[in-house]
N, C-alpha and C. Protein backbone atom coordinates (compact mmCIF):
# COMPACT_ATOMS: atom_id res chain seq x y z
N UNK A 1 -4.00 6.71 -8.39
CA UNK A 1 -2.46 6.37 -9.26
C UNK A 1 -2.46 4.76 -9.42
N UNK A 2 -1.40 4.65 -9.68
CA UNK A 2 -1.39 3.61 -9.96
C UNK A 2 0.30 2.75 -9.39
N UNK A 3 -0.46 0.63 -9.59
CA UNK A 3 1.13 0.61 -9.41
C UNK A 3 1.91 0.34 -9.92
N UNK A 4 2.10 0.90 -11.40
CA UNK A 4 3.11 0.58 -12.56
C UNK A 4 3.48 1.95 -12.27
N UNK A 5 3.24 3.16 -11.86
CA UNK A 5 3.96 4.68 -11.15
C UNK A 5 4.63 4.08 -9.94
N UNK A 6 5.61 3.41 -10.09
CA UNK A 6 6.67 3.27 -8.94
C UNK A 6 7.11 4.09 -8.26
N UNK A 7 7.80 5.41 -9.55
CA UNK A 7 7.81 6.47 -8.16
C UNK A 7 7.27 7.86 -6.98
N UNK A 8 5.79 7.11 -7.83
CA UNK A 8 4.43 7.84 -7.21
C UNK A 8 4.49 7.23 -5.87
N UNK A 9 4.33 8.16 -4.17
CA UNK A 9 2.97 7.68 -3.90
C UNK A 9 1.98 8.37 -3.34
N UNK A 10 1.25 7.09 -3.30
CA UNK A 10 -0.11 7.22 -3.42
C UNK A 10 -1.14 7.95 -3.20
N UNK A 11 -1.01 7.71 -1.82
CA UNK A 11 -1.83 8.91 -0.71
C UNK A 11 -1.33 8.70 0.57
N UNK A 12 -1.41 9.80 1.65
CA UNK A 12 -1.30 9.10 2.63
C UNK A 12 -2.09 10.33 3.67
N UNK A 13 -2.97 9.25 4.06
CA UNK A 13 -3.64 9.54 5.40
C UNK A 13 -3.51 9.76 6.82
N UNK A 14 -3.53 10.47 7.29
CA UNK A 14 -3.38 11.33 8.68
C UNK A 14 -4.39 11.07 10.09
N UNK A 15 -3.80 9.27 10.66
CA UNK A 15 -4.94 9.70 11.99
C UNK A 15 -4.43 10.21 13.06
N UNK A 16 -4.87 11.37 13.75
CA UNK A 16 -4.73 12.27 14.72
C UNK A 16 -4.97 11.88 15.57
N UNK A 17 -6.14 11.12 16.60
CA UNK A 17 -6.83 10.11 16.95
C UNK A 17 -5.77 9.38 17.88
N UNK A 18 -5.38 8.17 16.74
CA UNK A 18 -4.37 7.54 16.70
C UNK A 18 -3.28 7.50 16.84
N UNK A 19 -2.63 8.20 15.94
CA UNK A 19 -1.24 9.15 15.89
C UNK A 19 -0.60 8.44 15.33
N UNK A 20 -1.29 7.74 13.96
CA UNK A 20 -1.18 6.92 12.86
C UNK A 20 -0.65 7.90 11.64
N UNK A 21 0.22 7.63 10.25
CA UNK A 21 0.48 8.27 9.90
C UNK A 21 0.32 6.93 8.64
N UNK A 22 -0.56 7.21 7.55
CA UNK A 22 -0.66 5.86 6.02
C UNK A 22 -0.04 6.37 4.93
N UNK A 23 0.52 5.41 4.68
CA UNK A 23 0.77 5.97 3.41
C UNK A 23 0.94 4.67 2.64
N UNK A 24 0.23 4.89 1.17
CA UNK A 24 -0.72 4.01 0.91
C UNK A 24 -0.76 3.60 -0.59
N UNK A 25 -0.80 2.74 -0.84
CA UNK A 25 -0.54 1.89 -2.20
C UNK A 25 -1.60 1.41 -2.62
N UNK A 26 -2.05 2.15 -3.54
CA UNK A 26 -2.84 1.95 -4.21
C UNK A 26 -2.60 0.60 -5.34
N UNK A 27 -3.41 -0.55 -5.56
CA UNK A 27 -2.79 -1.62 -6.22
C UNK A 27 -4.22 -2.13 -7.39
N UNK A 28 -4.28 -1.52 -8.76
CA UNK A 28 -5.74 -1.90 -9.25
C UNK A 28 -5.33 -2.99 -10.51
N UNK A 29 -4.40 -3.63 -10.24
CA UNK A 29 -3.96 -4.36 -11.62
C UNK A 29 -4.48 -5.94 -10.94
N UNK A 30 -4.55 -6.71 -11.50
CA UNK A 30 -5.28 -8.57 -11.68
C UNK A 30 -3.92 -9.27 -11.45
N UNK A 31 -4.09 -10.33 -10.88
CA UNK A 31 -2.40 -11.23 -10.89
C UNK A 31 -2.96 -12.26 -11.69
N UNK A 32 -2.88 -11.49 -12.71
CA UNK A 32 -2.51 -12.70 -14.30
C UNK A 32 -1.14 -12.69 -14.28
N UNK A 33 -0.42 -11.70 -13.79
CA UNK A 33 1.24 -12.04 -14.25
C UNK A 33 1.87 -11.70 -13.30
N UNK A 34 1.75 -13.00 -11.93
CA UNK A 34 2.18 -12.80 -10.67
C UNK A 34 3.31 -12.36 -10.05
N UNK A 35 4.46 -12.46 -11.64
CA UNK A 35 6.06 -11.89 -11.62
C UNK A 35 5.83 -11.11 -11.87
N UNK A 36 5.33 -10.04 -12.50
CA UNK A 36 5.17 -8.89 -12.53
C UNK A 36 4.55 -8.06 -11.68
N UNK A 37 3.58 -8.39 -11.37
CA UNK A 37 3.17 -8.27 -10.39
C UNK A 37 3.82 -8.31 -8.74
N UNK A 38 4.20 -8.81 -8.65
CA UNK A 38 5.71 -8.81 -7.27
C UNK A 38 6.82 -7.77 -7.79
N UNK A 39 6.73 -7.93 -9.02
CA UNK A 39 8.03 -7.07 -9.24
C UNK A 39 7.99 -5.58 -9.00
N UNK A 40 6.70 -4.93 -9.17
CA UNK A 40 5.85 -3.98 -9.31
C UNK A 40 5.46 -3.74 -7.86
N UNK A 41 5.04 -4.40 -6.85
CA UNK A 41 5.17 -3.91 -6.21
C UNK A 41 6.32 -4.36 -5.12
N UNK A 42 7.19 -4.76 -5.46
CA UNK A 42 9.13 -4.56 -4.65
C UNK A 42 9.38 -3.96 -5.24
N UNK A 43 9.78 -3.17 -5.72
CA UNK A 43 9.56 -1.50 -6.42
C UNK A 43 9.43 -0.62 -6.04
N UNK A 44 8.11 -0.39 -5.60
CA UNK A 44 7.12 0.55 -5.06
C UNK A 44 6.20 0.55 -3.42
N UNK A 45 6.85 -0.87 -2.96
CA UNK A 45 7.34 -0.77 -1.70
C UNK A 45 8.85 0.23 -1.16
N UNK A 46 9.51 -0.78 -1.76
CA UNK A 46 11.18 -0.32 -1.88
C UNK A 46 11.28 1.14 -1.58
N UNK A 47 10.96 2.19 -2.77
CA UNK A 47 10.19 3.35 -2.95
C UNK A 47 9.69 4.63 -1.83
N UNK A 48 8.12 3.84 -1.10
CA UNK A 48 8.18 3.79 0.27
C UNK A 48 8.99 4.12 0.72
N UNK A 49 10.12 3.01 1.44
CA UNK A 49 10.62 2.77 2.37
C UNK A 49 11.99 3.67 2.56
N UNK A 50 12.30 4.82 1.00
CA UNK A 50 13.71 4.82 0.90
C UNK A 50 12.06 6.35 0.85
N UNK A 51 11.02 6.97 0.73
CA UNK A 51 10.45 8.27 0.61
C UNK A 51 10.88 8.10 2.56
N UNK A 52 10.23 7.71 3.23
CA UNK A 52 9.91 7.82 4.46
C UNK A 52 11.63 8.13 5.16
N UNK A 53 12.07 7.44 4.79
CA UNK A 53 13.88 7.21 5.33
C UNK A 53 14.41 8.54 5.33
N UNK A 54 14.49 9.34 4.11
CA UNK A 54 14.95 9.91 3.47
C UNK A 54 14.93 11.44 4.23
N UNK A 55 13.20 11.10 4.82
CA UNK A 55 12.62 12.51 5.83
C UNK A 55 12.31 13.13 5.45
N UNK A 56 11.54 13.03 3.66
CA UNK A 56 10.59 13.76 3.21
C UNK A 56 9.29 14.09 3.09
N UNK A 57 9.25 12.44 4.31
CA UNK A 57 7.38 12.33 4.96
C UNK A 57 7.57 13.08 5.72
N UNK A 58 8.50 13.08 6.62
CA UNK A 58 8.45 14.75 7.94
C UNK A 58 8.66 16.16 7.28
N UNK A 59 9.83 16.12 6.11
CA UNK A 59 9.24 17.20 5.40
C UNK A 59 8.08 17.68 4.84
N UNK A 60 7.61 16.98 4.29
CA UNK A 60 5.91 17.28 4.15
C UNK A 60 4.81 17.42 4.79
N UNK A 61 4.99 16.60 6.07
CA UNK A 61 3.95 16.20 7.56
C UNK A 61 5.06 16.71 8.83
N UNK A 62 5.49 17.40 8.86
CA UNK A 62 5.80 17.96 10.18
C UNK A 62 4.93 17.45 11.05
N UNK A 63 4.26 17.62 11.28
CA UNK A 63 3.11 17.06 12.10
C UNK A 63 2.88 15.71 13.17
N UNK A 64 3.79 15.07 11.87
CA UNK A 64 3.34 14.05 12.07
C UNK A 64 4.96 12.78 12.80
N UNK A 65 6.02 14.17 13.31
CA UNK A 65 6.45 13.75 13.68
C UNK A 65 6.31 12.36 14.73
N UNK A 66 6.68 11.35 15.48
CA UNK A 66 6.69 10.52 16.86
C UNK A 66 5.02 9.73 16.36
N UNK A 67 4.47 9.71 15.16
CA UNK A 67 3.15 9.24 14.78
C UNK A 67 3.79 7.71 14.54
N UNK A 68 2.55 7.12 15.27
CA UNK A 68 3.28 5.34 13.87
C UNK A 68 3.29 5.53 12.48
N UNK A 69 3.60 4.86 11.68
CA UNK A 69 3.83 4.62 10.33
C UNK A 69 3.29 3.31 10.15
N UNK A 70 1.93 3.64 9.08
CA UNK A 70 1.57 2.02 8.82
C UNK A 70 1.72 2.43 7.36
N UNK A 71 2.63 1.29 6.74
CA UNK A 71 2.41 0.80 5.14
C UNK A 71 0.71 0.05 4.59
N UNK A 72 0.16 1.14 3.98
CA UNK A 72 -1.07 0.70 3.74
C UNK A 72 -1.33 0.14 2.11
N UNK A 73 -1.35 -1.03 1.98
CA UNK A 73 -1.90 -2.30 0.64
C UNK A 73 -3.50 -2.21 0.05
N UNK A 74 -3.92 -1.38 -0.41
CA UNK A 74 -5.43 -1.55 -0.80
C UNK A 74 -5.83 -2.09 -2.04
N UNK A 75 -5.63 -3.21 -2.14
CA UNK A 75 -5.74 -3.75 -4.06
C UNK A 75 -7.76 -3.93 -3.85
N UNK A 76 -7.75 -4.12 -5.84
CA UNK A 76 -9.37 -3.82 -6.00
C UNK A 76 -9.10 -5.10 -6.86
N UNK A 77 -8.37 -6.44 -6.76
CA UNK A 77 -8.27 -7.91 -7.25
C UNK A 77 -8.36 -8.59 -6.14
N UNK A 78 -8.44 -9.80 -6.23
CA UNK A 78 -8.13 -10.52 -4.38
C UNK A 78 -6.95 -11.30 -5.47
N UNK A 79 -6.65 -11.83 -3.95
CA UNK A 79 -5.22 -12.24 -4.08
C UNK A 79 -5.29 -13.73 -4.34
N UNK A 80 -4.44 -14.34 -5.25
CA UNK A 80 -4.38 -15.94 -5.21
C UNK A 80 -3.56 -16.36 -4.19
N UNK A 81 -3.56 -17.24 -3.48
CA UNK A 81 -1.91 -17.75 -1.99
C UNK A 81 -1.25 -17.83 -2.41
N UNK A 82 -0.83 -17.85 -3.66
CA UNK A 82 1.00 -17.50 -4.23
C UNK A 82 0.87 -16.06 -2.96
N UNK A 83 0.12 -15.22 -3.76
CA UNK A 83 0.37 -13.07 -4.16
C UNK A 83 -0.04 -13.70 -1.80
N UNK A 84 -0.36 -13.73 -1.82
CA UNK A 84 -1.13 -13.46 -0.65
C UNK A 84 0.36 -13.61 0.30
N UNK A 85 1.23 -15.27 0.34
CA UNK A 85 2.28 -15.71 1.09
C UNK A 85 3.57 -14.85 0.34
N UNK A 86 2.90 -14.17 -0.82
CA UNK A 86 3.93 -13.11 -1.00
C UNK A 86 3.91 -11.28 -0.40
N UNK A 87 2.86 -11.10 0.42
CA UNK A 87 2.36 -10.16 0.80
C UNK A 87 2.55 -10.42 2.15
N UNK A 88 3.13 -11.15 2.69
CA UNK A 88 3.04 -11.68 4.39
C UNK A 88 4.44 -11.60 4.51
N UNK A 89 5.69 -12.01 2.85
CA UNK A 89 7.05 -12.05 3.21
C UNK A 89 7.35 -10.04 2.96
N UNK A 90 6.89 -9.60 2.44
CA UNK A 90 6.37 -8.05 2.34
C UNK A 90 6.23 -7.57 3.61
N UNK A 91 4.87 -7.90 4.54
CA UNK A 91 4.94 -7.71 6.16
C UNK A 91 5.64 -8.19 6.88
N UNK A 92 6.79 -9.09 6.69
CA UNK A 92 7.25 -9.47 7.50
C UNK A 92 8.68 -8.41 7.84
N UNK A 93 9.41 -8.21 5.78
CA UNK A 93 10.17 -6.83 5.87
C UNK A 93 9.99 -5.75 6.41
N UNK A 94 9.34 -5.48 5.76
CA UNK A 94 8.65 -4.13 7.09
C UNK A 94 7.82 -4.12 8.13
N UNK A 95 7.91 -4.65 8.73
CA UNK A 95 7.75 -4.72 9.86
C UNK A 95 9.33 -4.65 10.45
N UNK A 96 9.97 -5.66 9.66
CA UNK A 96 11.79 -5.15 9.95
C UNK A 96 12.33 -4.26 10.40
N UNK A 97 11.76 -3.44 9.42
CA UNK A 97 11.85 -1.91 9.43
C UNK A 97 11.78 -0.80 9.66
N UNK A 98 10.71 -1.34 10.54
CA UNK A 98 10.04 -0.79 11.43
C UNK A 98 9.01 0.12 11.18
N UNK A 99 8.01 -0.32 10.40
CA UNK A 99 7.34 -0.09 10.04
C UNK A 99 5.65 -0.79 10.31
N UNK A 100 4.52 -0.15 10.27
CA UNK A 100 3.64 -1.39 10.40
C UNK A 100 3.06 -1.64 9.14
N UNK A 101 1.63 -2.82 8.98
CA UNK A 101 1.12 -2.69 7.94
C UNK A 101 -0.40 -2.77 7.98
N UNK A 102 -0.83 -2.88 6.34
CA UNK A 102 -2.27 -3.00 6.88
C UNK A 102 -2.58 -2.88 5.77
N UNK A 103 -3.44 -4.57 4.78
CA UNK A 103 -4.09 -4.23 3.30
C UNK A 103 -5.29 -4.58 3.03
N UNK A 104 -5.88 -4.39 3.04
CA UNK A 104 -7.36 -4.10 2.72
C UNK A 104 -8.22 -4.55 0.73
N UNK A 105 -8.91 -4.56 0.95
CA UNK A 105 -9.72 -5.10 -0.44
C UNK A 105 -10.68 -3.70 -0.70
N UNK A 106 -10.54 -4.19 -1.86
CA UNK A 106 -12.10 -2.64 -2.20
C UNK A 106 -12.65 -2.87 -3.30
N UNK A 107 -13.55 -2.86 -3.37
CA UNK A 107 -15.04 -3.66 -4.49
C UNK A 107 -15.42 -1.84 -4.98
N UNK A 108 -14.76 -0.98 -5.95
CA UNK A 108 -14.05 -0.29 -7.01
C UNK A 108 -15.48 -0.34 -8.04
N UNK A 109 -15.69 -1.32 -8.52
CA UNK A 109 -17.22 -1.27 -9.41
C UNK A 109 -18.29 -0.83 -9.29
N UNK A 110 -18.72 -0.41 -8.14
CA UNK A 110 -20.18 0.47 -7.92
C UNK A 110 -19.81 1.51 -8.75
N UNK A 111 -18.51 2.22 -8.52
CA UNK A 111 -18.13 3.66 -8.60
C UNK A 111 -17.79 3.53 -9.52
N UNK A 112 -17.62 2.49 -10.23
CA UNK A 112 -17.47 2.39 -12.28
C UNK A 112 -18.42 2.35 -12.60
N UNK A 113 -19.64 2.30 -11.93
CA UNK A 113 -21.14 2.17 -12.73
C UNK A 113 -21.07 0.89 -13.04
N UNK A 114 -20.28 -0.55 -12.96
CA UNK A 114 -20.77 -1.78 -12.59
C UNK A 114 -22.12 -2.25 -11.80
N UNK A 115 -22.62 -2.88 -12.50
CA UNK A 115 -23.43 -3.99 -11.32
C UNK A 115 -22.50 -4.58 -10.54
N UNK A 116 -23.30 -5.00 -9.53
CA UNK A 116 -22.61 -5.89 -8.45
C UNK A 116 -24.08 -6.95 -7.80
N UNK A 117 -23.82 -8.16 -8.19
CA UNK A 117 -25.12 -8.61 -7.66
C UNK A 117 -24.85 -8.65 -6.06
N UNK A 118 -26.20 -8.99 -5.96
CA UNK A 118 -25.76 -9.84 -4.11
C UNK A 118 -26.17 -11.13 -4.07
N UNK A 119 -25.34 -11.64 -2.77
CA UNK A 119 -25.01 -13.07 -2.94
C UNK A 119 -26.97 -13.45 -2.09
């Protein structure tokens, strides 16, 4: 999936042991155009909130009723400090809406066949 595809839910993962459902947002874009990046991220997050609140999550995954909902942000590019501040503001918004958040970065270069230098 892509951050540019703001109408799609990128992935959903269920952890039955800890009773959590992860609604994941995959961000493959760099941060050269921070304004556009933030706009896309805002639209995508709003879409996720609408998806959950509309009941579609429970309609598609009825066994997760009562599970903690975690909005998971996965980025392939490091965030500059201004982007980290922006993400913190989104975390506050999501928390106020009743959702947990998780953010992590992944290095997809090995999967793409790009050599990674070890320090």
